[in-house]
Amino acid sequence: MGKRILVVDDAAFMRMMIKDILNKNGYEVVGEAENGAKAVEKYRELSPDLVIMDITMPEVDGITAVREIKKLDANSKIIMCSAMGQQAMVIESIQAGARDFIVKPFQADRVVEAVRKAIG
């Protein structure tokens, strides 16, 4: 049984790309969300093994969502994924509780490597 992953990104094509990479590598995408508010809702509902979270999204951004999920589950595992490789955001994400950071555009093997590091 593959590890269960929640994919959060406001761009449907990004969610599809990430889902495709994960499925090909034996992971199961149990849910998707297009903003941070829905991410927290889905996390509560699905209890995934890992969340791959975009930073810049409408309504609630990824960093705020990470903080909310960490309040729900201190052991949650989250990988940030964003086109903005700005150092401040990377640092803020890690301080909020993210395990790793993937910069877009990413290579499939970088996504898989981050996922394996986070959940094996």
C-alpha atoms as a PDB file:
ATOM      1  CA  MET A   1       0.000   0.000   0.000  1.00  0.00           C
ATOM      2  CA  GLY A   2       1.483   3.343  -1.077  1.00  0.00           C
ATOM      3  CA  LYS A   3       1.834   6.283   1.246  1.00  0.00           C
ATOM      4  CA  ARG A   4      -1.143   8.667   1.218  1.00  0.00           C
ATOM      5  CA  ILE A   5      -0.477  12.208  -0.007  1.00  0.00           C
ATOM      6  CA  LEU A   6      -2.518  15.420  -0.165  1.00  0.00           C
ATOM      7  CA  VAL A   7      -1.552  17.764  -3.040  1.00  0.00           C
ATOM      8  CA  VAL A   8      -2.262  21.486  -2.578  1.00  0.00           C
ATOM      9  CA  ASP A   9      -1.808  24.003  -5.403  1.00  0.00           C
ATOM     10  CA  ASP A  10      -4.066  26.655  -6.893  1.00  0.00           C
ATOM     11  CA  ALA A  11      -3.087  25.559 -10.435  1.00  0.00           C
ATOM     12  CA  ALA A  12      -4.936  22.419 -11.559  1.00  0.00           C
ATOM     13  CA  PHE A  13      -2.170  21.487 -14.039  1.00  0.00           C
ATOM     14  CA  MET A  14       0.426  21.599 -11.228  1.00  0.00           C
ATOM     15  CA  ARG A  15      -1.688  19.291  -9.081  1.00  0.00           C
ATOM     16  CA  MET A  16      -2.012  16.984 -12.070  1.00  0.00           C
ATOM     17  CA  MET A  17       1.758  16.986 -12.719  1.00  0.00           C
ATOM     18  CA  ILE A  18       2.589  16.267  -9.083  1.00  0.00           C
ATOM     19  CA  LYS A  19      -0.109  13.584  -8.882  1.00  0.00           C
ATOM     20  CA  ASP A  20       1.294  11.937 -12.004  1.00  0.00           C
ATOM     21  CA  ILE A  21       4.846  11.874 -10.588  1.00  0.00           C
ATOM     22  CA  LEU A  22       3.616  10.437  -7.277  1.00  0.00           C
ATOM     23  CA  ASN A  23       1.369   7.782  -8.850  1.00  0.00           C
ATOM     24  CA  LYS A  24       4.200   6.589 -11.117  1.00  0.00           C
ATOM     25  CA  ASN A  25       6.366   6.137  -8.030  1.00  0.00           C
ATOM     26  CA  GLY A  26       3.869   4.112  -6.019  1.00  0.00           C
ATOM     27  CA  TYR A  27       2.349   6.867  -3.892  1.00  0.00           C
ATOM     28  CA  GLU A  28      -1.381   7.378  -3.540  1.00  0.00           C
ATOM     29  CA  VAL A  29      -2.832  10.875  -3.886  1.00  0.00           C
ATOM     30  CA  VAL A  30      -5.820  10.806  -1.524  1.00  0.00           C
ATOM     31  CA  GLY A  31      -6.901  14.396  -2.028  1.00  0.00           C
ATOM     32  CA  GLU A  32      -6.311  17.738  -3.681  1.00  0.00           C
ATOM     33  CA  ALA A  33      -6.960  21.307  -2.585  1.00  0.00           C
ATOM     34  CA  GLU A  34      -6.687  24.610  -4.437  1.00  0.00           C
ATOM     35  CA  ASN A  35      -6.024  26.857  -1.442  1.00  0.00           C
ATOM     36  CA  GLY A  36      -4.796  26.772   2.145  1.00  0.00           C
ATOM     37  CA  ALA A  37      -8.261  26.836   3.711  1.00  0.00           C
ATOM     38  CA  LYS A  38      -9.309  23.720   1.765  1.00  0.00           C
ATOM     39  CA  ALA A  39      -5.936  22.114   2.548  1.00  0.00           C
ATOM     40  CA  VAL A  40      -6.589  22.342   6.295  1.00  0.00           C
ATOM     41  CA  GLU A  41     -10.132  20.981   5.792  1.00  0.00           C
ATOM     42  CA  LYS A  42      -8.855  18.061   3.680  1.00  0.00           C
ATOM     43  CA  TYR A  43      -6.049  17.318   6.127  1.00  0.00           C
ATOM     44  CA  ARG A  44      -8.572  17.057   8.950  1.00  0.00           C
ATOM     45  CA  GLU A  45     -10.791  14.819   6.823  1.00  0.00           C
ATOM     46  CA  LEU A  46      -8.154  12.537   5.227  1.00  0.00           C
ATOM     47  CA  SER A  47      -5.183  12.418   7.659  1.00  0.00           C
ATOM     48  CA  PRO A  48      -2.639  11.948   4.855  1.00  0.00           C
ATOM     49  CA  ASP A  49       0.938  10.755   5.481  1.00  0.00           C
ATOM     50  CA  LEU A  50       2.293  13.826   3.679  1.00  0.00           C
ATOM     51  CA  VAL A  51       1.166  17.168   2.242  1.00  0.00           C
ATOM     52  CA  ILE A  52       2.798  18.827  -0.762  1.00  0.00           C
ATOM     53  CA  MET A  53       1.869  22.505  -0.407  1.00  0.00           C
ATOM     54  CA  ASP A  54       2.170  25.489  -2.723  1.00  0.00           C
ATOM     55  CA  ILE A  55       2.944  28.821  -1.040  1.00  0.00           C
ATOM     56  CA  THR A  56       1.172  31.451  -3.110  1.00  0.00           C
ATOM     57  CA  MET A  57      -2.554  30.679  -3.227  1.00  0.00           C
ATOM     58  CA  PRO A  58      -5.823  32.616  -2.950  1.00  0.00           C
ATOM     59  CA  GLU A  59      -7.743  32.864   0.346  1.00  0.00           C
ATOM     60  CA  VAL A  60      -5.166  31.242   2.633  1.00  0.00           C
ATOM     61  CA  ASP A  61      -1.500  30.952   1.628  1.00  0.00           C
ATOM     62  CA  GLY A  62       0.617  27.842   2.125  1.00  0.00           C
ATOM     63  CA  ILE A  63       2.642  29.088   5.086  1.00  0.00           C
ATOM     64  CA  THR A  64      -0.522  29.935   7.046  1.00  0.00           C
ATOM     65  CA  ALA A  65      -1.975  26.522   6.115  1.00  0.00           C
ATOM     66  CA  VAL A  66       1.209  24.797   7.378  1.00  0.00           C
ATOM     67  CA  ARG A  67       0.813  26.535  10.739  1.00  0.00           C
ATOM     68  CA  GLU A  68      -2.850  25.497  10.929  1.00  0.00           C
ATOM     69  CA  ILE A  69      -2.093  21.863  10.034  1.00  0.00           C
ATOM     70  CA  LYS A  70       0.740  21.785  12.600  1.00  0.00           C
ATOM     71  CA  LYS A  71      -1.787  22.923  15.249  1.00  0.00           C
ATOM     72  CA  LEU A  72      -4.039  19.998  14.258  1.00  0.00           C
ATOM     73  CA  ASP A  73      -1.207  17.479  14.086  1.00  0.00           C
ATOM     74  CA  ALA A  74       2.246  18.313  15.412  1.00  0.00           C
ATOM     75  CA  ASN A  75       3.639  15.235  13.613  1.00  0.00           C
ATOM     76  CA  SER A  76       2.293  16.198  10.188  1.00  0.00           C
ATOM     77  CA  LYS A  77       4.799  16.035   7.342  1.00  0.00           C
ATOM     78  CA  ILE A  78       4.676  18.860   4.807  1.00  0.00           C
ATOM     79  CA  ILE A  79       6.823  19.697   1.797  1.00  0.00           C
ATOM     80  CA  MET A  80       6.537  23.209   0.344  1.00  0.00           C
ATOM     81  CA  CYS A  81       6.510  23.679  -3.390  1.00  0.00           C
ATOM     82  CA  SER A  82       6.697  27.100  -4.992  1.00  0.00           C
ATOM     83  CA  ALA A  83       8.031  29.015  -7.959  1.00  0.00           C
ATOM     84  CA  MET A  84       9.295  31.620  -5.583  1.00  0.00           C
ATOM     85  CA  GLY A  85      12.664  30.423  -4.448  1.00  0.00           C
ATOM     86  CA  GLN A  86      12.986  33.514  -2.287  1.00  0.00           C
ATOM     87  CA  GLN A  87      15.091  32.699   0.704  1.00  0.00           C
ATOM     88  CA  ALA A  88      12.788  34.456   3.166  1.00  0.00           C
ATOM     89  CA  MET A  89       9.832  32.274   2.124  1.00  0.00           C
ATOM     90  CA  VAL A  90      11.893  29.094   2.304  1.00  0.00           C
ATOM     91  CA  ILE A  91      13.035  30.017   5.810  1.00  0.00           C
ATOM     92  CA  GLU A  92       9.514  31.012   6.874  1.00  0.00           C
ATOM     93  CA  SER A  93       8.145  27.695   5.533  1.00  0.00           C
ATOM     94  CA  ILE A  94      10.705  25.654   7.440  1.00  0.00           C
ATOM     95  CA  GLN A  95      10.084  27.680  10.622  1.00  0.00           C
ATOM     96  CA  ALA A  96       6.341  27.086  10.203  1.00  0.00           C
ATOM     97  CA  GLY A  97       7.062  23.352  10.197  1.00  0.00           C
ATOM     98  CA  ALA A  98       7.708  22.269   6.609  1.00  0.00           C
ATOM     99  CA  ARG A  99      10.204  19.417   6.153  1.00  0.00           C
ATOM    100  CA  ASP A 100      11.540  20.389   2.741  1.00  0.00           C
ATOM    101  CA  PHE A 101      11.160  22.866  -0.098  1.00  0.00           C
ATOM    102  CA  ILE A 102      10.852  22.154  -3.828  1.00  0.00           C
ATOM    103  CA  VAL A 103      11.308  25.013  -6.283  1.00  0.00           C
ATOM    104  CA  LYS A 104       9.214  25.127  -9.470  1.00  0.00           C
ATOM    105  CA  PRO A 105       9.828  24.269 -12.217  1.00  0.00           C
ATOM    106  CA  PHE A 106      10.947  21.013 -10.630  1.00  0.00           C
ATOM    107  CA  GLN A 107      12.322  17.735 -11.917  1.00  0.00           C
ATOM    108  CA  ALA A 108      10.291  14.608 -11.170  1.00  0.00           C
ATOM    109  CA  ASP A 109      13.231  13.010  -9.349  1.00  0.00           C
ATOM    110  CA  ARG A 110      13.513  16.030  -7.022  1.00  0.00           C
ATOM    111  CA  VAL A 111       9.863  15.589  -6.004  1.00  0.00           C
ATOM    112  CA  VAL A 112      10.336  11.854  -5.415  1.00  0.00           C
ATOM    113  CA  GLU A 113      13.549  12.457  -3.456  1.00  0.00           C
ATOM    114  CA  ALA A 114      11.815  14.997  -1.166  1.00  0.00           C
ATOM    115  CA  VAL A 115       8.857  12.651  -0.629  1.00  0.00           C
ATOM    116  CA  ARG A 116      11.124   9.675   0.144  1.00  0.00           C
ATOM    117  CA  LYS A 117      13.119  11.769   2.604  1.00  0.00           C
ATOM    118  CA  ALA A 118       9.942  12.888   4.346  1.00  0.00           C
ATOM    119  CA  ILE A 119       8.000   9.597   4.501  1.00  0.00           C
ATOM    120  CA  GLY A 120      10.197   6.829   3.116  1.00  0.00           C
END
